[in-house]
Amino acid sequence: MADETMLGEFGFAGDDVVVPFQVAPLDMRGRAVQVGPMLDQILGRHAYPEPVARLLGECVVLTALLGSSLKFDGKFILQTQSDGPVDMLVADFTSPGSMRAYARFDAERLALAQAQGRVEPQDLLGKGILAMTIDQGVHTQRYQGIVQLDGISLEEVARTYFRQSEQIPTEVRLAVARQVLPGADGRRESWRAGGILAQFLPEAPERLRMPDLPGGDGDDGEIDDSMVDDAWVEVVSLLSTIAPDELFDPTIGTERLLYRLFHEHGVVVYEGIPVADDCSCSREKIHGVLSGFTAEEIVDSIEDGRIRVTCEFCSTEYTFDPAEFVEKQ
C-alpha cells in the first residue's frame, strides 16, 4: 500500500533508470534520472572525501543523461583534466547501460580548499578542459568535443558545449546529496543524485531565429537564449523552479517531477533505460596490456615477486606471475 501511495497514478521508473521525455507543444525533448544504489556503490568503494564525492556524483549523472542517448552499441566518455585540487574526473557509459567512474585528487590541496571554504565545483576543478568522447568501436573514428573549464560548474559546461558545438539550446540541472538513514546497526549513510537535461529541437530551423549563418559576418556561431522563441524561454523558466532535493527525492520520482513541471503542456514519457555500476575491466584485458610491456617494464612492475594491478574504477586487484610475460620477451 505504501508503494501505491508513492506511485499514485504515475508510472514509476525508480532509481538508476534514465527516463526520456518529450513536451511537443514546447518543441522540447530531454531525459531525467534519479540514481541511488549505482552511485552509492561507485562512491562507497573509494571512500572519497565529501566534496570529491559530490563532484563525481554530478559527473555520473551528467554522463548517464548524455550516454543514454546513444543509438548504437558504443561508449560515451566524459573526462576532465584541470589544475584544481580535483585534477581528473572520468565517467563512461557503455551501451546499453553500464556505468563506471572515478576521481583523482590531491589530498593536501583539497584539505586547504576545504579549510578556506572553496568547495564549489569550479573551485575544485580549477582551469582546464572537459572532453566528451563517443567511441563506436575498433573500426570507427572517435568523435570528441572539448569545452574549456574556466571557473564554471558542470551544469554550465554542458550548456556551453551544446551551445557552441552542437548549436542546440540546452538546459541542465544536477543535484547530489548524502543521506543519513537509520539502520539496524545505527546510522547508515548513502548517496543519491538526480538530474534533468532538456533541449530545444523545433522542426522548423528558423524557430531558432539565428541572426546569421554560423561563420557569417559579425557572427561567432553561438546560440544564446535571446535568439530562441518563447517556448524555450518557458522551458528554462520552468526548470529554474526545481529545488535541488526534487531531483533526487525518491518520494517524488522522475515521472512525478516531470508532471509537476510540464503537465499544463502535456509531457510524454518513454520507456526507461536502466544504468548499472558495471566495470568493464577483466583479467584478460589487463593481461593483454601487460603483454605489450618490454622486459624492462615488466621487471619494474614486479613487487614481492608478483605483478599487481588495481583497476582505478572498481578497485579490483589482479595478480600475475612475472614469468607469464618474461618468457615471451
C-alpha atoms as a PDB file:
ATOM      1  CA  MET A   1       0.000   0.000   0.000  1.00  0.00           C
ATOM      2  CA  ALA A   2       2.904   2.339   0.751  1.00  0.00           C
ATOM      3  CA  ASP A   3       4.216   1.862  -2.802  1.00  0.00           C
ATOM      4  CA  GLU A   4       0.785   2.613  -4.271  1.00  0.00           C
ATOM      5  CA  THR A   5       0.626   5.864  -2.309  1.00  0.00           C
ATOM      6  CA  MET A   6       4.064   6.862  -3.525  1.00  0.00           C
ATOM      7  CA  LEU A   7       3.450   5.950  -7.136  1.00  0.00           C
ATOM      8  CA  GLY A   8      -0.055   7.422  -7.328  1.00  0.00           C
ATOM      9  CA  GLU A   9      -1.397   7.450 -10.870  1.00  0.00           C
ATOM     10  CA  PHE A  10       2.063   7.771 -12.408  1.00  0.00           C
ATOM     11  CA  GLY A  11       4.376   5.169 -13.842  1.00  0.00           C
ATOM     12  CA  PHE A  12       7.458   4.579 -11.743  1.00  0.00           C
ATOM     13  CA  ALA A  13      10.918   4.131 -13.225  1.00  0.00           C
ATOM     14  CA  GLY A  14      12.612   4.132  -9.825  1.00  0.00           C
ATOM     15  CA  ASP A  15      16.315   4.550  -9.163  1.00  0.00           C
ATOM     16  CA  ASP A  16      19.063   4.107 -11.737  1.00  0.00           C
ATOM     17  CA  VAL A  17      16.769   4.427 -14.766  1.00  0.00           C
ATOM     18  CA  VAL A  18      17.105   7.253 -17.306  1.00  0.00           C
ATOM     19  CA  VAL A  19      13.668   8.417 -18.469  1.00  0.00           C
ATOM     20  CA  PRO A  20      13.407  10.031 -21.943  1.00  0.00           C
ATOM     21  CA  PHE A  21      10.558  12.509 -22.326  1.00  0.00           C
ATOM     22  CA  GLN A  22       9.060  14.984 -24.765  1.00  0.00           C
ATOM     23  CA  VAL A  23       6.934  18.118 -24.458  1.00  0.00           C
ATOM     24  CA  ALA A  24       5.715  18.603 -28.031  1.00  0.00           C
ATOM     25  CA  PRO A  25       3.961  21.983 -27.596  1.00  0.00           C
ATOM     26  CA  LEU A  26       7.279  23.453 -26.411  1.00  0.00           C
ATOM     27  CA  ASP A  27       9.382  21.632 -29.064  1.00  0.00           C
ATOM     28  CA  MET A  28      11.443  20.176 -26.252  1.00  0.00           C
ATOM     29  CA  ARG A  29      12.896  16.742 -25.649  1.00  0.00           C
ATOM     30  CA  GLY A  30      15.007  15.556 -22.767  1.00  0.00           C
ATOM     31  CA  ARG A  31      15.999  12.924 -20.251  1.00  0.00           C
ATOM     32  CA  ALA A  32      15.765  12.760 -16.468  1.00  0.00           C
ATOM     33  CA  VAL A  33      17.185  10.357 -13.904  1.00  0.00           C
ATOM     34  CA  GLN A  34      17.433   9.596 -10.204  1.00  0.00           C
ATOM     35  CA  VAL A  35      20.411   7.470  -9.164  1.00  0.00           C
ATOM     36  CA  GLY A  36      20.746   5.662  -5.848  1.00  0.00           C
ATOM     37  CA  PRO A  37      22.333   2.193  -5.440  1.00  0.00           C
ATOM     38  CA  MET A  38      24.540   2.628  -8.524  1.00  0.00           C
ATOM     39  CA  LEU A  39      26.041   5.889  -7.257  1.00  0.00           C
ATOM     40  CA  ASP A  40      26.337   4.573  -3.702  1.00  0.00           C
ATOM     41  CA  GLN A  41      28.393   1.622  -4.944  1.00  0.00           C
ATOM     42  CA  ILE A  42      30.677   3.749  -7.111  1.00  0.00           C
ATOM     43  CA  LEU A  43      31.391   6.285  -4.372  1.00  0.00           C
ATOM     44  CA  GLY A  44      31.427   3.798  -1.481  1.00  0.00           C
ATOM     45  CA  ARG A  45      34.263   1.635  -2.754  1.00  0.00           C
ATOM     46  CA  HIS A  46      36.649   4.603  -2.898  1.00  0.00           C
ATOM     47  CA  ALA A  47      35.641   6.445   0.299  1.00  0.00           C
ATOM     48  CA  TYR A  48      36.141   9.823  -1.367  1.00  0.00           C
ATOM     49  CA  PRO A  49      36.077  12.997   0.773  1.00  0.00           C
ATOM     50  CA  GLU A  50      32.600  14.518   0.585  1.00  0.00           C
ATOM     51  CA  PRO A  51      33.422  17.412  -1.823  1.00  0.00           C
ATOM     52  CA  VAL A  52      35.037  14.958  -4.261  1.00  0.00           C
ATOM     53  CA  ALA A  53      32.131  12.516  -3.957  1.00  0.00           C
ATOM     54  CA  ARG A  54      29.627  15.263  -4.719  1.00  0.00           C
ATOM     55  CA  LEU A  55      31.578  16.369  -7.772  1.00  0.00           C
ATOM     56  CA  LEU A  56      31.942  12.831  -9.108  1.00  0.00           C
ATOM     57  CA  GLY A  57      28.233  12.288  -8.416  1.00  0.00           C
ATOM     58  CA  GLU A  58      27.398  15.196 -10.732  1.00  0.00           C
ATOM     59  CA  CYS A  59      29.740  13.718 -13.323  1.00  0.00           C
ATOM     60  CA  VAL A  60      27.970  10.336 -13.109  1.00  0.00           C
ATOM     61  CA  VAL A  61      24.520  11.896 -13.517  1.00  0.00           C
ATOM     62  CA  LEU A  62      25.603  14.025 -16.478  1.00  0.00           C
ATOM     63  CA  THR A  63      27.237  11.003 -18.133  1.00  0.00           C
ATOM     64  CA  ALA A  64      24.090   8.920 -17.643  1.00  0.00           C
ATOM     65  CA  LEU A  65      21.945  11.651 -19.204  1.00  0.00           C
ATOM     66  CA  LEU A  66      24.240  12.066 -22.206  1.00  0.00           C
ATOM     67  CA  GLY A  67      25.414   8.482 -22.699  1.00  0.00           C
ATOM     68  CA  SER A  68      21.907   7.028 -22.625  1.00  0.00           C
ATOM     69  CA  SER A  69      21.141   8.932 -25.834  1.00  0.00           C
ATOM     70  CA  LEU A  70      23.433   6.647 -27.881  1.00  0.00           C
ATOM     71  CA  LYS A  71      21.508   4.959 -30.679  1.00  0.00           C
ATOM     72  CA  PHE A  72      24.204   2.334 -31.318  1.00  0.00           C
ATOM     73  CA  ASP A  73      26.489  -0.016 -29.411  1.00  0.00           C
ATOM     74  CA  GLY A  74      29.309   2.125 -28.164  1.00  0.00           C
ATOM     75  CA  LYS A  75      30.755   4.150 -25.322  1.00  0.00           C
ATOM     76  CA  PHE A  76      30.345   7.725 -24.120  1.00  0.00           C
ATOM     77  CA  ILE A  77      33.234   9.065 -22.031  1.00  0.00           C
ATOM     78  CA  LEU A  78      33.239  12.269 -20.010  1.00  0.00           C
ATOM     79  CA  GLN A  79      36.630  13.327 -18.656  1.00  0.00           C
ATOM     80  CA  THR A  80      38.090  16.441 -17.076  1.00  0.00           C
ATOM     81  CA  GLN A  81      41.744  17.429 -16.876  1.00  0.00           C
ATOM     82  CA  SER A  82      42.399  20.531 -14.847  1.00  0.00           C
ATOM     83  CA  ASP A  83      44.726  22.288 -12.408  1.00  0.00           C
ATOM     84  CA  GLY A  84      42.441  22.261  -9.356  1.00  0.00           C
ATOM     85  CA  PRO A  85      42.560  20.029  -6.261  1.00  0.00           C
ATOM     86  CA  VAL A  86      40.428  17.520  -8.207  1.00  0.00           C
ATOM     87  CA  ASP A  87      42.555  17.297 -11.340  1.00  0.00           C
ATOM     88  CA  MET A  88      40.686  14.467 -13.059  1.00  0.00           C
ATOM     89  CA  LEU A  89      37.157  13.117 -13.241  1.00  0.00           C
ATOM     90  CA  VAL A  90      36.315  10.198 -15.506  1.00  0.00           C
ATOM     91  CA  ALA A  91      32.941   8.588 -16.122  1.00  0.00           C
ATOM     92  CA  ASP A  92      31.998   6.350 -19.008  1.00  0.00           C
ATOM     93  CA  PHE A  93      28.739   4.858 -20.168  1.00  0.00           C
ATOM     94  CA  THR A  94      28.809   1.714 -22.295  1.00  0.00           C
ATOM     95  CA  SER A  95      25.576   0.838 -24.063  1.00  0.00           C
ATOM     96  CA  PRO A  96      23.095  -0.437 -23.225  1.00  0.00           C
ATOM     97  CA  GLY A  97      23.595   0.696 -19.605  1.00  0.00           C
ATOM     98  CA  SER A  98      26.969   0.064 -17.936  1.00  0.00           C
ATOM     99  CA  MET A  99      28.454   2.896 -15.889  1.00  0.00           C
ATOM    100  CA  ARG A 100      31.783   3.350 -14.134  1.00  0.00           C
ATOM    101  CA  ALA A 101      33.602   6.397 -12.751  1.00  0.00           C
ATOM    102  CA  TYR A 102      36.483   7.586 -10.626  1.00  0.00           C
ATOM    103  CA  ALA A 103      38.128  10.796  -9.426  1.00  0.00           C
ATOM    104  CA  ARG A 104      41.754  11.758  -8.843  1.00  0.00           C
ATOM    105  CA  PHE A 105      42.586  14.450  -6.317  1.00  0.00           C
ATOM    106  CA  ASP A 106      45.403  15.959  -4.291  1.00  0.00           C
ATOM    107  CA  ALA A 107      44.595  15.373  -0.613  1.00  0.00           C
ATOM    108  CA  GLU A 108      46.683  18.278   0.689  1.00  0.00           C
ATOM    109  CA  ARG A 109      45.307  20.808  -1.771  1.00  0.00           C
ATOM    110  CA  LEU A 110      41.778  19.544  -1.138  1.00  0.00           C
ATOM    111  CA  ALA A 111      42.170  19.946   2.626  1.00  0.00           C
ATOM    112  CA  LEU A 112      43.401  23.505   2.110  1.00  0.00           C
ATOM    113  CA  ALA A 113      40.478  24.307  -0.179  1.00  0.00           C
ATOM    114  CA  GLN A 114      38.056  22.927   2.424  1.00  0.00           C
ATOM    115  CA  ALA A 115      39.669  24.982   5.179  1.00  0.00           C
ATOM    116  CA  GLN A 116      39.231  28.085   3.036  1.00  0.00           C
ATOM    117  CA  GLY A 117      35.627  27.218   2.179  1.00  0.00           C
ATOM    118  CA  ARG A 118      36.383  26.831  -1.537  1.00  0.00           C
ATOM    119  CA  VAL A 119      34.434  23.658  -2.285  1.00  0.00           C
ATOM    120  CA  GLU A 120      32.223  24.703  -5.193  1.00  0.00           C
ATOM    121  CA  PRO A 121      32.728  22.605  -8.361  1.00  0.00           C
ATOM    122  CA  GLN A 122      34.559  25.417 -10.112  1.00  0.00           C
ATOM    123  CA  ASP A 123      36.904  25.778  -7.121  1.00  0.00           C
ATOM    124  CA  LEU A 124      37.717  22.082  -7.019  1.00  0.00           C
ATOM    125  CA  LEU A 125      38.213  21.716 -10.768  1.00  0.00           C
ATOM    126  CA  GLY A 126      40.106  24.919 -11.468  1.00  0.00           C
ATOM    127  CA  LYS A 127      41.064  25.633 -15.075  1.00  0.00           C
ATOM    128  CA  GLY A 128      41.440  23.005 -17.751  1.00  0.00           C
ATOM    129  CA  ILE A 129      39.265  21.113 -20.184  1.00  0.00           C
ATOM    130  CA  LEU A 130      36.306  18.763 -20.236  1.00  0.00           C
ATOM    131  CA  ALA A 131      36.235  16.259 -23.085  1.00  0.00           C
ATOM    132  CA  MET A 132      33.160  14.363 -24.258  1.00  0.00           C
ATOM    133  CA  THR A 133      34.070  11.353 -26.409  1.00  0.00           C
ATOM    134  CA  ILE A 134      31.866   8.978 -28.397  1.00  0.00           C
ATOM    135  CA  ASP A 135      33.508   5.676 -29.327  1.00  0.00           C
ATOM    136  CA  GLN A 136      31.620   3.318 -31.654  1.00  0.00           C
ATOM    137  CA  GLY A 137      34.273   0.571 -31.724  1.00  0.00           C
ATOM    138  CA  VAL A 138      37.561  -0.511 -33.234  1.00  0.00           C
ATOM    139  CA  HIS A 139      36.717   0.122 -36.887  1.00  0.00           C
ATOM    140  CA  THR A 140      35.273   3.593 -36.455  1.00  0.00           C
ATOM    141  CA  GLN A 141      36.655   7.043 -35.771  1.00  0.00           C
ATOM    142  CA  ARG A 142      36.119   8.568 -32.360  1.00  0.00           C
ATOM    143  CA  TYR A 143      34.192  11.810 -32.057  1.00  0.00           C
ATOM    144  CA  GLN A 144      35.364  14.205 -29.375  1.00  0.00           C
ATOM    145  CA  GLY A 145      34.155  17.604 -28.250  1.00  0.00           C
ATOM    146  CA  ILE A 146      36.140  19.763 -25.838  1.00  0.00           C
ATOM    147  CA  VAL A 147      34.969  22.573 -23.568  1.00  0.00           C
ATOM    148  CA  GLN A 148      37.154  24.857 -21.505  1.00  0.00           C
ATOM    149  CA  LEU A 149      36.841  24.646 -17.730  1.00  0.00           C
ATOM    150  CA  ASP A 150      37.285  28.198 -16.570  1.00  0.00           C
ATOM    151  CA  GLY A 151      35.543  28.791 -13.281  1.00  0.00           C
ATOM    152  CA  ILE A 152      32.221  27.263 -14.320  1.00  0.00           C
ATOM    153  CA  SER A 153      30.155  24.361 -12.995  1.00  0.00           C
ATOM    154  CA  LEU A 154      29.494  21.073 -14.766  1.00  0.00           C
ATOM    155  CA  GLU A 155      25.959  22.278 -15.481  1.00  0.00           C
ATOM    156  CA  GLU A 156      27.298  25.328 -17.266  1.00  0.00           C
ATOM    157  CA  VAL A 157      29.923  23.248 -19.078  1.00  0.00           C
ATOM    158  CA  ALA A 158      27.170  21.099 -20.586  1.00  0.00           C
ATOM    159  CA  ARG A 159      25.172  24.156 -21.625  1.00  0.00           C
ATOM    160  CA  THR A 160      28.264  25.698 -23.208  1.00  0.00           C
ATOM    161  CA  TYR A 161      29.158  22.503 -25.062  1.00  0.00           C
ATOM    162  CA  PHE A 162      25.779  22.159 -26.754  1.00  0.00           C
ATOM    163  CA  ARG A 163      25.529  25.869 -27.469  1.00  0.00           C
ATOM    164  CA  GLN A 164      28.964  26.041 -29.102  1.00  0.00           C
ATOM    165  CA  SER A 165      29.482  22.584 -30.603  1.00  0.00           C
ATOM    166  CA  GLU A 166      26.001  21.338 -31.422  1.00  0.00           C
ATOM    167  CA  GLN A 167      24.102  24.613 -31.849  1.00  0.00           C
ATOM    168  CA  ILE A 168      21.317  23.233 -29.650  1.00  0.00           C
ATOM    169  CA  PRO A 169      19.878  25.307 -26.777  1.00  0.00           C
ATOM    170  CA  THR A 170      20.263  23.027 -23.767  1.00  0.00           C
ATOM    171  CA  GLU A 171      19.428  23.334 -20.087  1.00  0.00           C
ATOM    172  CA  VAL A 172      20.860  21.019 -17.411  1.00  0.00           C
ATOM    173  CA  ARG A 173      20.115  20.690 -13.711  1.00  0.00           C
ATOM    174  CA  LEU A 174      22.145  18.393 -11.418  1.00  0.00           C
ATOM    175  CA  ALA A 175      21.989  17.674  -7.688  1.00  0.00           C
ATOM    176  CA  VAL A 176      23.798  15.295  -5.323  1.00  0.00           C
ATOM    177  CA  ALA A 177      23.137  14.554  -1.651  1.00  0.00           C
ATOM    178  CA  ARG A 178      24.482  12.322   1.100  1.00  0.00           C
ATOM    179  CA  GLN A 179      21.625  10.883   3.124  1.00  0.00           C
ATOM    180  CA  VAL A 180      21.870   9.680   6.703  1.00  0.00           C
ATOM    181  CA  LEU A 181      19.285   6.996   7.426  1.00  0.00           C
ATOM    182  CA  PRO A 182      18.541   4.874  10.497  1.00  0.00           C
ATOM    183  CA  GLY A 183      19.671   1.259  10.231  1.00  0.00           C
ATOM    184  CA  ALA A 184      19.742  -1.918  12.286  1.00  0.00           C
ATOM    185  CA  ASP A 185      23.301  -1.131  13.400  1.00  0.00           C
ATOM    186  CA  GLY A 186      22.846   2.587  13.836  1.00  0.00           C
ATOM    187  CA  ARG A 187      23.112   5.342  11.241  1.00  0.00           C
ATOM    188  CA  ARG A 188      23.628   4.393   7.619  1.00  0.00           C
ATOM    189  CA  GLU A 189      24.850   6.844   5.004  1.00  0.00           C
ATOM    190  CA  SER A 190      24.032   6.590   1.336  1.00  0.00           C
ATOM    191  CA  TRP A 191      24.410   8.759  -1.735  1.00  0.00           C
ATOM    192  CA  ARG A 192      21.660   9.897  -4.080  1.00  0.00           C
ATOM    193  CA  ALA A 193      21.667  12.186  -7.078  1.00  0.00           C
ATOM    194  CA  GLY A 194      19.449  13.298  -9.894  1.00  0.00           C
ATOM    195  CA  GLY A 195      19.407  15.386 -12.987  1.00  0.00           C
ATOM    196  CA  ILE A 196      17.413  16.598 -15.932  1.00  0.00           C
ATOM    197  CA  LEU A 197      18.542  17.628 -19.406  1.00  0.00           C
ATOM    198  CA  ALA A 198      16.231  19.481 -21.796  1.00  0.00           C
ATOM    199  CA  GLN A 199      16.892  20.540 -25.394  1.00  0.00           C
ATOM    200  CA  PHE A 200      15.031  22.844 -27.766  1.00  0.00           C
ATOM    201  CA  LEU A 201      14.550  20.913 -31.011  1.00  0.00           C
ATOM    202  CA  PRO A 202      11.958  22.619 -33.214  1.00  0.00           C
ATOM    203  CA  GLU A 203      11.155  21.090 -36.606  1.00  0.00           C
ATOM    204  CA  ALA A 204      11.472  24.491 -38.257  1.00  0.00           C
ATOM    205  CA  PRO A 205      15.114  25.716 -38.085  1.00  0.00           C
ATOM    206  CA  GLU A 206      14.003  29.331 -38.307  1.00  0.00           C
ATOM    207  CA  ARG A 207      12.462  28.921 -34.842  1.00  0.00           C
ATOM    208  CA  LEU A 208      15.976  29.369 -33.512  1.00  0.00           C
ATOM    209  CA  ARG A 209      15.961  32.866 -35.016  1.00  0.00           C
ATOM    210  CA  MET A 210      19.650  32.806 -35.862  1.00  0.00           C
ATOM    211  CA  PRO A 211      20.723  36.308 -36.921  1.00  0.00           C
ATOM    212  CA  ASP A 212      23.141  34.905 -39.491  1.00  0.00           C
ATOM    213  CA  LEU A 213      24.545  31.602 -40.679  1.00  0.00           C
ATOM    214  CA  PRO A 214      27.323  30.249 -38.441  1.00  0.00           C
ATOM    215  CA  GLY A 215      30.540  31.834 -39.580  1.00  0.00           C
ATOM    216  CA  GLY A 216      28.813  34.790 -41.226  1.00  0.00           C
ATOM    217  CA  ASP A 217      29.935  38.371 -40.840  1.00  0.00           C
ATOM    218  CA  GLY A 218      29.695  39.500 -37.267  1.00  0.00           C
ATOM    219  CA  ASP A 219      28.541  36.107 -36.027  1.00  0.00           C
ATOM    220  CA  ASP A 220      30.554  33.864 -33.741  1.00  0.00           C
ATOM    221  CA  GLY A 221      28.363  30.827 -34.464  1.00  0.00           C
ATOM    222  CA  GLU A 222      26.978  30.567 -30.954  1.00  0.00           C
ATOM    223  CA  ILE A 223      23.353  30.498 -29.879  1.00  0.00           C
ATOM    224  CA  ASP A 224      22.152  32.355 -26.825  1.00  0.00           C
ATOM    225  CA  ASP A 225      18.711  32.330 -25.261  1.00  0.00           C
ATOM    226  CA  SER A 226      17.812  35.662 -26.827  1.00  0.00           C
ATOM    227  CA  MET A 227      17.860  34.000 -30.247  1.00  0.00           C
ATOM    228  CA  VAL A 228      15.148  31.445 -29.492  1.00  0.00           C
ATOM    229  CA  ASP A 229      11.449  31.942 -29.112  1.00  0.00           C
ATOM    230  CA  ASP A 230       9.145  31.986 -26.122  1.00  0.00           C
ATOM    231  CA  ALA A 231       8.797  28.210 -25.971  1.00  0.00           C
ATOM    232  CA  TRP A 232      12.418  27.773 -24.919  1.00  0.00           C
ATOM    233  CA  VAL A 233      12.256  30.733 -22.566  1.00  0.00           C
ATOM    234  CA  GLU A 234       9.354  28.995 -20.826  1.00  0.00           C
ATOM    235  CA  VAL A 235      11.279  25.700 -20.589  1.00  0.00           C
ATOM    236  CA  VAL A 236      14.241  27.419 -18.946  1.00  0.00           C
ATOM    237  CA  SER A 237      11.911  29.275 -16.601  1.00  0.00           C
ATOM    238  CA  LEU A 238      10.144  26.070 -15.532  1.00  0.00           C
ATOM    239  CA  LEU A 239      13.396  24.208 -14.943  1.00  0.00           C
ATOM    240  CA  SER A 240      14.677  27.078 -12.802  1.00  0.00           C
ATOM    241  CA  THR A 241      11.857  26.381 -10.330  1.00  0.00           C
ATOM    242  CA  ILE A 242      13.219  22.920  -9.444  1.00  0.00           C
ATOM    243  CA  ALA A 243      14.554  22.704  -5.896  1.00  0.00           C
ATOM    244  CA  PRO A 244      17.727  20.568  -5.728  1.00  0.00           C
ATOM    245  CA  ASP A 245      16.108  17.949  -3.483  1.00  0.00           C
ATOM    246  CA  GLU A 246      13.310  17.410  -6.025  1.00  0.00           C
ATOM    247  CA  LEU A 247      15.862  15.975  -8.430  1.00  0.00           C
ATOM    248  CA  PHE A 248      16.816  13.069  -6.166  1.00  0.00           C
ATOM    249  CA  ASP A 249      13.893  12.672  -3.720  1.00  0.00           C
ATOM    250  CA  PRO A 250      12.553   9.096  -4.187  1.00  0.00           C
ATOM    251  CA  THR A 251       9.143  10.083  -2.828  1.00  0.00           C
ATOM    252  CA  ILE A 252       8.744  12.411  -5.808  1.00  0.00           C
ATOM    253  CA  GLY A 253      10.233  10.229  -8.515  1.00  0.00           C
ATOM    254  CA  THR A 254      11.209  11.149 -12.034  1.00  0.00           C
ATOM    255  CA  GLU A 255       7.755  10.933 -13.611  1.00  0.00           C
ATOM    256  CA  ARG A 256       6.040  12.956 -10.894  1.00  0.00           C
ATOM    257  CA  LEU A 257       8.669  15.677 -11.222  1.00  0.00           C
ATOM    258  CA  LEU A 258       8.118  15.828 -14.979  1.00  0.00           C
ATOM    259  CA  TYR A 259       4.378  16.064 -14.400  1.00  0.00           C
ATOM    260  CA  ARG A 260       4.854  18.907 -11.917  1.00  0.00           C
ATOM    261  CA  LEU A 261       6.910  20.805 -14.455  1.00  0.00           C
ATOM    262  CA  PHE A 262       5.064  20.251 -17.716  1.00  0.00           C
ATOM    263  CA  HIS A 263       1.532  18.954 -17.051  1.00  0.00           C
ATOM    264  CA  GLU A 264      -0.048  22.101 -18.488  1.00  0.00           C
ATOM    265  CA  HIS A 265       1.528  21.356 -21.863  1.00  0.00           C
ATOM    266  CA  GLY A 266       1.365  17.568 -21.772  1.00  0.00           C
ATOM    267  CA  VAL A 267       4.542  15.566 -21.214  1.00  0.00           C
ATOM    268  CA  VAL A 268       5.096  12.183 -22.855  1.00  0.00           C
ATOM    269  CA  VAL A 269       7.387   9.737 -21.036  1.00  0.00           C
ATOM    270  CA  TYR A 270       9.091   6.888 -22.888  1.00  0.00           C
ATOM    271  CA  GLU A 271      10.492   3.555 -21.727  1.00  0.00           C
ATOM    272  CA  GLY A 272      13.332   3.983 -19.287  1.00  0.00           C
ATOM    273  CA  ILE A 273      16.965   2.966 -19.787  1.00  0.00           C
ATOM    274  CA  PRO A 274      18.433   1.133 -16.758  1.00  0.00           C
ATOM    275  CA  VAL A 275      22.002   2.001 -15.801  1.00  0.00           C
ATOM    276  CA  ALA A 276      24.192  -0.093 -13.504  1.00  0.00           C
ATOM    277  CA  ASP A 277      27.550   0.021 -11.766  1.00  0.00           C
ATOM    278  CA  ASP A 278      29.381  -2.309 -14.118  1.00  0.00           C
ATOM    279  CA  CYS A 279      33.124  -2.050 -14.724  1.00  0.00           C
ATOM    280  CA  SER A 280      34.477  -3.449 -17.986  1.00  0.00           C
ATOM    281  CA  CYS A 281      37.860  -4.470 -16.603  1.00  0.00           C
ATOM    282  CA  SER A 282      38.897  -8.131 -16.708  1.00  0.00           C
ATOM    283  CA  ARG A 283      41.927 -10.275 -16.098  1.00  0.00           C
ATOM    284  CA  GLU A 284      42.188 -10.970 -19.826  1.00  0.00           C
ATOM    285  CA  LYS A 285      42.215  -7.283 -20.760  1.00  0.00           C
ATOM    286  CA  ILE A 286      44.895  -6.413 -18.227  1.00  0.00           C
ATOM    287  CA  HIS A 287      46.942  -9.444 -19.269  1.00  0.00           C
ATOM    288  CA  GLY A 288      46.794  -8.132 -22.826  1.00  0.00           C
ATOM    289  CA  VAL A 289      48.107  -4.730 -21.717  1.00  0.00           C
ATOM    290  CA  LEU A 290      50.970  -6.274 -19.733  1.00  0.00           C
ATOM    291  CA  SER A 291      51.859  -8.457 -22.705  1.00  0.00           C
ATOM    292  CA  GLY A 292      52.748  -5.282 -24.580  1.00  0.00           C
ATOM    293  CA  PHE A 293      55.304  -4.217 -21.933  1.00  0.00           C
ATOM    294  CA  THR A 294      59.018  -4.521 -22.587  1.00  0.00           C
ATOM    295  CA  ALA A 295      61.128  -6.859 -20.442  1.00  0.00           C
ATOM    296  CA  GLU A 296      62.443  -3.820 -18.540  1.00  0.00           C
ATOM    297  CA  GLU A 297      58.908  -2.534 -17.865  1.00  0.00           C
ATOM    298  CA  ILE A 298      57.869  -5.969 -16.615  1.00  0.00           C
ATOM    299  CA  VAL A 299      60.800  -6.057 -14.202  1.00  0.00           C
ATOM    300  CA  ASP A 300      59.961  -2.567 -12.948  1.00  0.00           C
ATOM    301  CA  SER A 301      56.377  -3.712 -12.296  1.00  0.00           C
ATOM    302  CA  ILE A 302      57.349  -6.596 -10.020  1.00  0.00           C
ATOM    303  CA  GLU A 303      56.723  -6.200  -6.306  1.00  0.00           C
ATOM    304  CA  ASP A 304      57.361  -9.040  -3.851  1.00  0.00           C
ATOM    305  CA  GLY A 305      57.690 -11.440  -6.741  1.00  0.00           C
ATOM    306  CA  ARG A 306      54.309 -10.615  -8.298  1.00  0.00           C
ATOM    307  CA  ILE A 307      52.761  -8.052 -10.606  1.00  0.00           C
ATOM    308  CA  ARG A 308      49.685  -6.448  -9.074  1.00  0.00           C
ATOM    309  CA  VAL A 309      47.329  -4.192 -10.986  1.00  0.00           C
ATOM    310  CA  THR A 310      44.362  -2.445  -9.352  1.00  0.00           C
ATOM    311  CA  CYS A 311      41.529  -1.125 -11.512  1.00  0.00           C
ATOM    312  CA  GLU A 312      41.083   2.583 -10.807  1.00  0.00           C
ATOM    313  CA  PHE A 313      37.355   2.320 -11.444  1.00  0.00           C
ATOM    314  CA  CYS A 314      36.209  -0.695  -9.419  1.00  0.00           C
ATOM    315  CA  SER A 315      39.277  -1.246  -7.174  1.00  0.00           C
ATOM    316  CA  THR A 316      39.554  -4.921  -8.199  1.00  0.00           C
ATOM    317  CA  GLU A 317      43.128  -6.187  -7.821  1.00  0.00           C
ATOM    318  CA  TYR A 318      44.600  -8.585 -10.359  1.00  0.00           C
ATOM    319  CA  THR A 319      47.772 -10.548  -9.581  1.00  0.00           C
ATOM    320  CA  PHE A 320      50.096 -12.054 -12.196  1.00  0.00           C
ATOM    321  CA  ASP A 321      53.209 -14.218 -12.230  1.00  0.00           C
ATOM    322  CA  PRO A 322      56.002 -12.251 -13.991  1.00  0.00           C
ATOM    323  CA  ALA A 323      57.078 -15.465 -15.725  1.00  0.00           C
ATOM    324  CA  GLU A 324      53.936 -15.242 -17.849  1.00  0.00           C
ATOM    325  CA  PHE A 325      55.437 -12.217 -19.593  1.00  0.00           C
ATOM    326  CA  VAL A 326      59.205 -12.530 -19.235  1.00  0.00           C
ATOM    327  CA  GLU A 327      59.179 -15.842 -21.129  1.00  0.00           C
ATOM    328  CA  LYS A 328      57.527 -14.089 -24.096  1.00  0.00           C
ATOM    329  CA  GLN A 329      60.121 -11.341 -24.405  1.00  0.00           C
END
